[in-house]
């Protein structure tokens, strides 16, 4: 009888040990699957190495974990916090996200942007965020955090000369209630830049000639390393008057409206004018039909814009402008 009880106990023990071994084996297999899924896409293909770099950064808790994943300005900023764990945790709260939808914007073989759509962190919810990534030693690293709206992709991808933008225009604003030094003054505008986003093309006419420092200003906003001295001497980095011409775009690239405006921060003046029919235009740049008479010529290609426009509009106050330019068209926004 005793022998039978001992045998029964041993059998139950062996069954439990078998079940436990099987449970552990299943757990290890599941863990392996989780890790594999983390480093691959839903389809089972390897995850983009740039997204994987950010995934590791997003899970890091210490400076030692972060150090091999960053370079450039971001590396220098985080290195300053490395000896202060509490400060490091606070900074990571603003740089790490609980949920997001990643998207890569290609620039070249060694430069790209990671855009985080619908990003949620401890300090923001459902916003767009972005990081500049670079590859200098074979591995992708996070180089800088950027505002996706401010990035000028064209200046990241290639070099331009400020002389390409130094072309003259003119503008005058008159009317009641204006500052005497501003009312009726003819602004001799010495340079022009053009930005294209998904929604519009904006042409800015400046009362100064562009120099290399001004291009460095836009490169800085795009996340690239620049000389701080050059950044500080940029004319576009100060309050200045400017005339603006804006064309609205639909998803097919057709122009849907036009505005002419003038900003003068020194006198707190900002106004926009629209001519008859400008609010509902249907102009396809490839056909050159449907433009208002104030726009004698408008030719738009992938990376250049040619504009000849002269006009006068009244809306309480009067604006007169004249511009004949052919300049680069820079892609802006991620």
Foldseek 3Di string as FASTA:
>chain_A
DVVVVVVVVVVVVVVVVVVVVVVVVVVVVVVVVVVQPLQPPPVSHGDDLQVVLVVQVQPDQAVVSQQVAEDAPVNVVLVVCRVPNVVNNVVSQVVHFPDWDWDWADQDPFKIKIWTAQTHGPVDGRDIWMFIWGDDPNHIHTHGTADQQLAFSVLVRDDDFLVLFQFWKKKAKAFPPADPVRHGDIQTFGGWAWEDEQWKIKIKTFSDRFHPLQSVCSVVNNRDDDDVVSVVPGPVVDQGKIKMKMFTADNVGWTAAIWIWIDHVVRRDIDIDGDVPRNGFGHDLVVQPTDDPQWVDWHDDPWKIFTFGWDWDDDNMIMTITDTHIHTYIYGGD
